[in-house]
């Protein structure tokens, strides 16, 4: 893997982790007020072609642990 691709993979991973953690934190904070927070923009992008075998929990937050 060349250095440029390696950097893009590292940056992409960091951005994805930040987005997932922000989504979870906002969801945990908003649940008391009936606010739902989800991240689905990635699924509408060309990068969605890389999603294979992902499981999206649609359970009203039942599997969310604080």
PDB file of N, CA and C in Angstrom:
ATOM      1  N   UNK A   1       0.866  -1.174   0.000  1.00  0.00           N
ATOM      2  CA  UNK A   1       0.000   0.000   0.000  1.00  0.00           C
ATOM      3  C   UNK A   1       0.907   1.229   0.000  1.00  0.00           C
ATOM      4  N   UNK A   2       0.667   2.128  -0.937  1.00  0.00           N
ATOM      5  CA  UNK A   2       1.516   3.315  -0.974  1.00  0.00           C
ATOM      6  C   UNK A   2       1.132   4.286   0.142  1.00  0.00           C
ATOM      7  N   UNK A   3       2.009   5.236   0.381  1.00  0.00           N
ATOM      8  CA  UNK A   3       1.842   6.163   1.508  1.00  0.00           C
ATOM      9  C   UNK A   3       0.578   6.999   1.386  1.00  0.00           C
ATOM     10  N   UNK A   4       0.262   7.479   0.179  1.00  0.00           N
ATOM     11  CA  UNK A   4      -0.927   8.305  -0.015  1.00  0.00           C
ATOM     12  C   UNK A   4      -2.199   7.523   0.310  1.00  0.00           C
ATOM     13  N   UNK A   5      -2.300   6.304  -0.186  1.00  0.00           N
ATOM     14  CA  UNK A   5      -3.467   5.476   0.100  1.00  0.00           C
ATOM     15  C   UNK A   5      -3.540   5.148   1.583  1.00  0.00           C
ATOM     16  N   UNK A   6      -2.397   4.866   2.176  1.00  0.00           N
ATOM     17  CA  UNK A   6      -2.350   4.566   3.604  1.00  0.00           C
ATOM     18  C   UNK A   6      -2.862   5.744   4.428  1.00  0.00           C
ATOM     19  N   UNK A   7      -2.464   6.966   4.054  1.00  0.00           N
ATOM     20  CA  UNK A   7      -2.931   8.157   4.767  1.00  0.00           C
ATOM     21  C   UNK A   7      -4.426   8.350   4.600  1.00  0.00           C
ATOM     22  N   UNK A   8      -4.943   8.112   3.384  1.00  0.00           N
ATOM     23  CA  UNK A   8      -6.380   8.252   3.145  1.00  0.00           C
ATOM     24  C   UNK A   8      -7.169   7.246   3.972  1.00  0.00           C
ATOM     25  N   UNK A   9      -6.674   6.030   4.067  1.00  0.00           N
ATOM     26  CA  UNK A   9      -7.349   5.002   4.860  1.00  0.00           C
ATOM     27  C   UNK A   9      -7.353   5.390   6.335  1.00  0.00           C
ATOM     28  N   UNK A  10      -6.220   5.878   6.824  1.00  0.00           N
ATOM     29  CA  UNK A  10      -6.126   6.282   8.227  1.00  0.00           C
ATOM     30  C   UNK A  10      -7.057   7.452   8.526  1.00  0.00           C
ATOM     31  N   UNK A  11      -7.070   8.444   7.654  1.00  0.00           N
ATOM     32  CA  UNK A  11      -7.937   9.612   7.858  1.00  0.00           C
ATOM     33  C   UNK A  11      -9.407   9.200   7.767  1.00  0.00           C
ATOM     34  N   UNK A  12      -9.742   8.377   6.792  1.00  0.00           N
ATOM     35  CA  UNK A  12     -11.122   7.909   6.657  1.00  0.00           C
ATOM     36  C   UNK A  12     -11.586   7.138   7.879  1.00  0.00           C
ATOM     37  N   UNK A  13     -10.709   6.300   8.417  1.00  0.00           N
ATOM     38  CA  UNK A  13     -11.049   5.548   9.621  1.00  0.00           C
ATOM     39  C   UNK A  13     -11.280   6.459  10.817  1.00  0.00           C
ATOM     40  N   UNK A  14     -10.425   7.467  10.946  1.00  0.00           N
ATOM     41  CA  UNK A  14     -10.572   8.410  12.058  1.00  0.00           C
ATOM     42  C   UNK A  14     -11.866   9.212  11.933  1.00  0.00           C
ATOM     43  N   UNK A  15     -12.190   9.642  10.725  1.00  0.00           N
ATOM     44  CA  UNK A  15     -13.432  10.395  10.502  1.00  0.00           C
ATOM     45  C   UNK A  15     -14.647   9.519  10.799  1.00  0.00           C
ATOM     46  N   UNK A  16     -14.621   8.271  10.334  1.00  0.00           N
ATOM     47  CA  UNK A  16     -15.742   7.358  10.601  1.00  0.00           C
ATOM     48  C   UNK A  16     -15.917   7.110  12.092  1.00  0.00           C
ATOM     49  N   UNK A  17     -14.822   6.909  12.800  1.00  0.00           N
ATOM     50  CA  UNK A  17     -14.904   6.676  14.245  1.00  0.00           C
ATOM     51  C   UNK A  17     -15.464   7.908  14.959  1.00  0.00           C
ATOM     52  N   UNK A  18     -15.009   9.086  14.548  1.00  0.00           N
ATOM     53  CA  UNK A  18     -15.511  10.320  15.160  1.00  0.00           C
ATOM     54  C   UNK A  18     -17.004  10.490  14.902  1.00  0.00           C
ATOM     55  N   UNK A  19     -17.435  10.220  13.680  1.00  0.00           N
ATOM     56  CA  UNK A  19     -18.850  10.354  13.341  1.00  0.00           C
ATOM     57  C   UNK A  19     -19.710   9.360  14.117  1.00  0.00           C
ATOM     58  N   UNK A  20     -19.233   8.124  14.240  1.00  0.00           N
ATOM     59  CA  UNK A  20     -19.991   7.119  15.001  1.00  0.00           C
ATOM     60  C   UNK A  20     -20.094   7.507  16.471  1.00  0.00           C
ATOM     61  N   UNK A  21     -18.990   7.961  17.057  1.00  0.00           N
ATOM     62  CA  UNK A  21     -19.021   8.349  18.466  1.00  0.00           C
ATOM     63  C   UNK A  21     -19.875   9.580  18.705  1.00  0.00           C
ATOM     64  N   UNK A  22     -19.816  10.550  17.796  1.00  0.00           N
ATOM     65  CA  UNK A  22     -20.660  11.736  17.923  1.00  0.00           C
ATOM     66  C   UNK A  22     -22.135  11.352  17.830  1.00  0.00           C
ATOM     67  N   UNK A  23     -22.470  10.492  16.885  1.00  0.00           N
ATOM     68  CA  UNK A  23     -23.856  10.048  16.724  1.00  0.00           C
ATOM     69  C   UNK A  23     -24.354   9.355  17.984  1.00  0.00           C
ATOM     70  N   UNK A  24     -23.549   8.468  18.539  1.00  0.00           N
ATOM     71  CA  UNK A  24     -23.949   7.753  19.760  1.00  0.00           C
ATOM     72  C   UNK A  24     -24.103   8.696  20.941  1.00  0.00           C
ATOM     73  N   UNK A  25     -23.179   9.653  21.065  1.00  0.00           N
ATOM     74  CA  UNK A  25     -23.256  10.604  22.176  1.00  0.00           C
ATOM     75  C   UNK A  25     -24.495  11.494  22.063  1.00  0.00           C
ATOM     76  N   UNK A  26     -24.764  11.991  20.866  1.00  0.00           N
ATOM     77  CA  UNK A  26     -25.942  12.831  20.671  1.00  0.00           C
ATOM     78  C   UNK A  26     -27.231  12.043  20.869  1.00  0.00           C
ATOM     79  N   UNK A  27     -27.238  10.785  20.420  1.00  0.00           N
ATOM     80  CA  UNK A  27     -28.426   9.942  20.607  1.00  0.00           C
ATOM     81  C   UNK A  27     -28.684   9.688  22.085  1.00  0.00           C
ATOM     82  N   UNK A  28     -27.625   9.414  22.835  1.00  0.00           N
ATOM     83  CA  UNK A  28     -27.780   9.164  24.272  1.00  0.00           C
ATOM     84  C   UNK A  28     -28.266  10.419  24.997  1.00  0.00           C
ATOM     85  N   UNK A  29     -27.798  11.562  24.551  1.00  0.00           N
ATOM     86  CA  UNK A  29     -28.197  12.818  25.188  1.00  0.00           C
ATOM     87  C   UNK A  29     -29.631  13.207  24.826  1.00  0.00           C
ATOM     88  N   UNK A  30     -30.026  12.970  23.586  1.00  0.00           N
ATOM     89  CA  UNK A  30     -31.335  13.401  23.131  1.00  0.00           C
ATOM     90  C   UNK A  30     -32.478  12.472  23.475  1.00  0.00           C
ATOM     91  N   UNK A  31     -32.176  11.244  23.853  1.00  0.00           N
ATOM     92  CA  UNK A  31     -33.226  10.262  24.085  1.00  0.00           C
ATOM     93  C   UNK A  31     -34.197  10.702  25.189  1.00  0.00           C
ATOM     94  N   UNK A  32     -33.707  11.414  26.170  1.00  0.00           N
ATOM     95  CA  UNK A  32     -34.573  11.885  27.263  1.00  0.00           C
ATOM     96  C   UNK A  32     -35.649  12.839  26.776  1.00  0.00           C
ATOM     97  N   UNK A  33     -35.335  13.574  25.698  1.00  0.00           N
ATOM     98  CA  UNK A  33     -36.273  14.557  25.150  1.00  0.00           C
ATOM     99  C   UNK A  33     -37.009  14.038  23.919  1.00  0.00           C
ATOM    100  N   UNK A  34     -36.846  12.753  23.625  1.00  0.00           N
ATOM    101  CA  UNK A  34     -37.520  12.171  22.471  1.00  0.00           C
ATOM    102  C   UNK A  34     -36.864  12.508  21.145  1.00  0.00           C
ATOM    103  N   UNK A  35     -35.607  12.931  21.188  1.00  0.00           N
ATOM    104  CA  UNK A  35     -34.880  13.261  19.964  1.00  0.00           C
ATOM    105  C   UNK A  35     -34.135  12.023  19.475  1.00  0.00           C
ATOM    106  N   UNK A  36     -34.321  11.692  18.211  1.00  0.00           N
ATOM    107  CA  UNK A  36     -33.616  10.552  17.623  1.00  0.00           C
ATOM    108  C   UNK A  36     -32.476  11.067  16.763  1.00  0.00           C
ATOM    109  N   UNK A  37     -31.340  10.443  16.872  1.00  0.00           N
ATOM    110  CA  UNK A  37     -30.161  10.832  16.095  1.00  0.00           C
ATOM    111  C   UNK A  37     -29.657   9.603  15.356  1.00  0.00           C
ATOM    112  N   UNK A  38     -29.503   9.745  14.045  1.00  0.00           N
ATOM    113  CA  UNK A  38     -29.005   8.649  13.215  1.00  0.00           C
ATOM    114  C   UNK A  38     -28.045   9.220  12.187  1.00  0.00           C
ATOM    115  N   UNK A  39     -27.155   8.385  11.714  1.00  0.00           N
ATOM    116  CA  UNK A  39     -26.221   8.783  10.667  1.00  0.00           C
ATOM    117  C   UNK A  39     -26.441   7.878   9.468  1.00  0.00           C
ATOM    118  N   UNK A  40     -26.982   8.452   8.422  1.00  0.00           N
ATOM    119  CA  UNK A  40     -27.243   7.652   7.222  1.00  0.00           C
ATOM    120  C   UNK A  40     -26.680   8.286   5.957  1.00  0.00           C
ATOM    121  N   UNK A  41     -26.090   9.462   6.055  1.00  0.00           N
ATOM    122  CA  UNK A  41     -25.593  10.150   4.863  1.00  0.00           C
ATOM    123  C   UNK A  41     -24.588   9.301   4.095  1.00  0.00           C
ATOM    124  N   UNK A  42     -23.793   8.535   4.821  1.00  0.00           N
ATOM    125  CA  UNK A  42     -22.780   7.690   4.160  1.00  0.00           C
ATOM    126  C   UNK A  42     -23.415   6.708   3.187  1.00  0.00           C
ATOM    127  N   UNK A  43     -24.616   6.255   3.485  1.00  0.00           N
ATOM    128  CA  UNK A  43     -25.283   5.276   2.627  1.00  0.00           C
ATOM    129  C   UNK A  43     -25.725   5.876   1.300  1.00  0.00           C
ATOM    130  N   UNK A  44     -25.791   7.193   1.223  1.00  0.00           N
ATOM    131  CA  UNK A  44     -26.212   7.856  -0.004  1.00  0.00           C
ATOM    132  C   UNK A  44     -25.023   8.287  -0.868  1.00  0.00           C
ATOM    133  N   UNK A  45     -23.829   7.970  -0.437  1.00  0.00           N
ATOM    134  CA  UNK A  45     -22.637   8.402  -1.162  1.00  0.00           C
ATOM    135  C   UNK A  45     -22.080   7.254  -2.008  1.00  0.00           C
ATOM    136  N   UNK A  46     -21.193   7.565  -2.944  1.00  0.00           N
ATOM    137  CA  UNK A  46     -20.554   6.508  -3.725  1.00  0.00           C
ATOM    138  C   UNK A  46     -19.768   5.525  -2.844  1.00  0.00           C
ATOM    139  N   UNK A  47     -19.358   5.980  -1.671  1.00  0.00           N
ATOM    140  CA  UNK A  47     -18.607   5.106  -0.772  1.00  0.00           C
ATOM    141  C   UNK A  47     -19.472   3.960  -0.235  1.00  0.00           C
ATOM    142  N   UNK A  48     -20.777   4.063  -0.383  1.00  0.00           N
ATOM    143  CA  UNK A  48     -21.661   3.001   0.073  1.00  0.00           C
ATOM    144  C   UNK A  48     -21.395   1.697  -0.669  1.00  0.00           C
ATOM    145  N   UNK A  49     -20.721   1.782  -1.809  1.00  0.00           N
ATOM    146  CA  UNK A  49     -20.363   0.569  -2.552  1.00  0.00           C
ATOM    147  C   UNK A  49     -19.435  -0.326  -1.726  1.00  0.00           C
ATOM    148  N   UNK A  50     -18.789   0.242  -0.715  1.00  0.00           N
ATOM    149  CA  UNK A  50     -17.882  -0.531   0.127  1.00  0.00           C
ATOM    150  C   UNK A  50     -18.604  -1.222   1.281  1.00  0.00           C
ATOM    151  N   UNK A  51     -19.887  -0.953   1.446  1.00  0.00           N
ATOM    152  CA  UNK A  51     -20.645  -1.584   2.517  1.00  0.00           C
ATOM    153  C   UNK A  51     -21.104  -2.956   2.049  1.00  0.00           C
ATOM    154  N   UNK A  52     -20.725  -3.952   2.782  1.00  0.00           N
ATOM    155  CA  UNK A  52     -21.099  -5.328   2.434  1.00  0.00           C
ATOM    156  C   UNK A  52     -21.330  -6.088   3.729  1.00  0.00           C
ATOM    157  N   UNK A  53     -22.491  -6.629   3.896  1.00  0.00           N
ATOM    158  CA  UNK A  53     -22.785  -7.453   5.061  1.00  0.00           C
ATOM    159  C   UNK A  53     -22.954  -6.678   6.359  1.00  0.00           C
ATOM    160  N   UNK A  54     -23.205  -5.381   6.275  1.00  0.00           N
ATOM    161  CA  UNK A  54     -23.392  -4.587   7.483  1.00  0.00           C
ATOM    162  C   UNK A  54     -24.771  -4.848   8.080  1.00  0.00           C
ATOM    163  N   UNK A  55     -24.842  -4.819   9.385  1.00  0.00           N
ATOM    164  CA  UNK A  55     -26.113  -4.995  10.084  1.00  0.00           C
ATOM    165  C   UNK A  55     -26.441  -3.677  10.774  1.00  0.00           C
ATOM    166  N   UNK A  56     -27.553  -3.095  10.401  1.00  0.00           N
ATOM    167  CA  UNK A  56     -27.997  -1.847  11.004  1.00  0.00           C
ATOM    168  C   UNK A  56     -29.099  -2.164  12.007  1.00  0.00           C
ATOM    169  N   UNK A  57     -28.837  -1.903  13.263  1.00  0.00           N
ATOM    170  CA  UNK A  57     -29.829  -2.173  14.301  1.00  0.00           C
ATOM    171  C   UNK A  57     -30.942  -1.134  14.230  1.00  0.00           C
ATOM    172  N   UNK A  58     -32.151  -1.586  13.989  1.00  0.00           N
ATOM    173  CA  UNK A  58     -33.324  -0.715  13.982  1.00  0.00           C
ATOM    174  C   UNK A  58     -34.224  -1.237  15.089  1.00  0.00           C
ATOM    175  N   UNK A  59     -33.926  -0.783  16.312  1.00  0.00           N
ATOM    176  CA  UNK A  59     -34.583  -1.356  17.488  1.00  0.00           C
ATOM    177  C   UNK A  59     -34.994  -0.308  18.516  1.00  0.00           C
ATOM    178  N   UNK A  60     -35.077   0.942  18.073  1.00  0.00           N
ATOM    179  CA  UNK A  60     -35.493   1.989  18.992  1.00  0.00           C
ATOM    180  C   UNK A  60     -34.489   2.260  20.093  1.00  0.00           C
ATOM    181  N   UNK A  61     -33.258   1.858  19.890  1.00  0.00           N
ATOM    182  CA  UNK A  61     -32.214   2.087  20.901  1.00  0.00           C
ATOM    183  C   UNK A  61     -32.113   1.005  21.941  1.00  0.00           C
ATOM    184  N   UNK A  62     -32.822  -0.095  21.769  1.00  0.00           N
ATOM    185  CA  UNK A  62     -32.817  -1.160  22.782  1.00  0.00           C
ATOM    186  C   UNK A  62     -31.440  -1.764  22.975  1.00  0.00           C
ATOM    187  N   UNK A  63     -30.616  -1.807  21.928  1.00  0.00           N
ATOM    188  CA  UNK A  63     -29.291  -2.390  22.088  1.00  0.00           C
ATOM    189  C   UNK A  63     -28.229  -1.354  22.446  1.00  0.00           C
ATOM    190  N   UNK A  64     -28.633  -0.111  22.601  1.00  0.00           N
ATOM    191  CA  UNK A  64     -27.682   0.963  22.950  1.00  0.00           C
ATOM    192  C   UNK A  64     -27.350   0.853  24.425  1.00  0.00           C
ATOM    193  N   UNK A  65     -26.056   0.759  24.718  1.00  0.00           N
ATOM    194  CA  UNK A  65     -25.618   0.724  26.112  1.00  0.00           C
ATOM    195  C   UNK A  65     -24.905   2.007  26.441  1.00  0.00           C
ATOM    196  N   UNK A  66     -25.112   2.504  27.628  1.00  0.00           N
ATOM    197  CA  UNK A  66     -24.476   3.759  28.048  1.00  0.00           C
ATOM    198  C   UNK A  66     -23.255   3.463  28.860  1.00  0.00           C
TER     199      UNK A  66
END
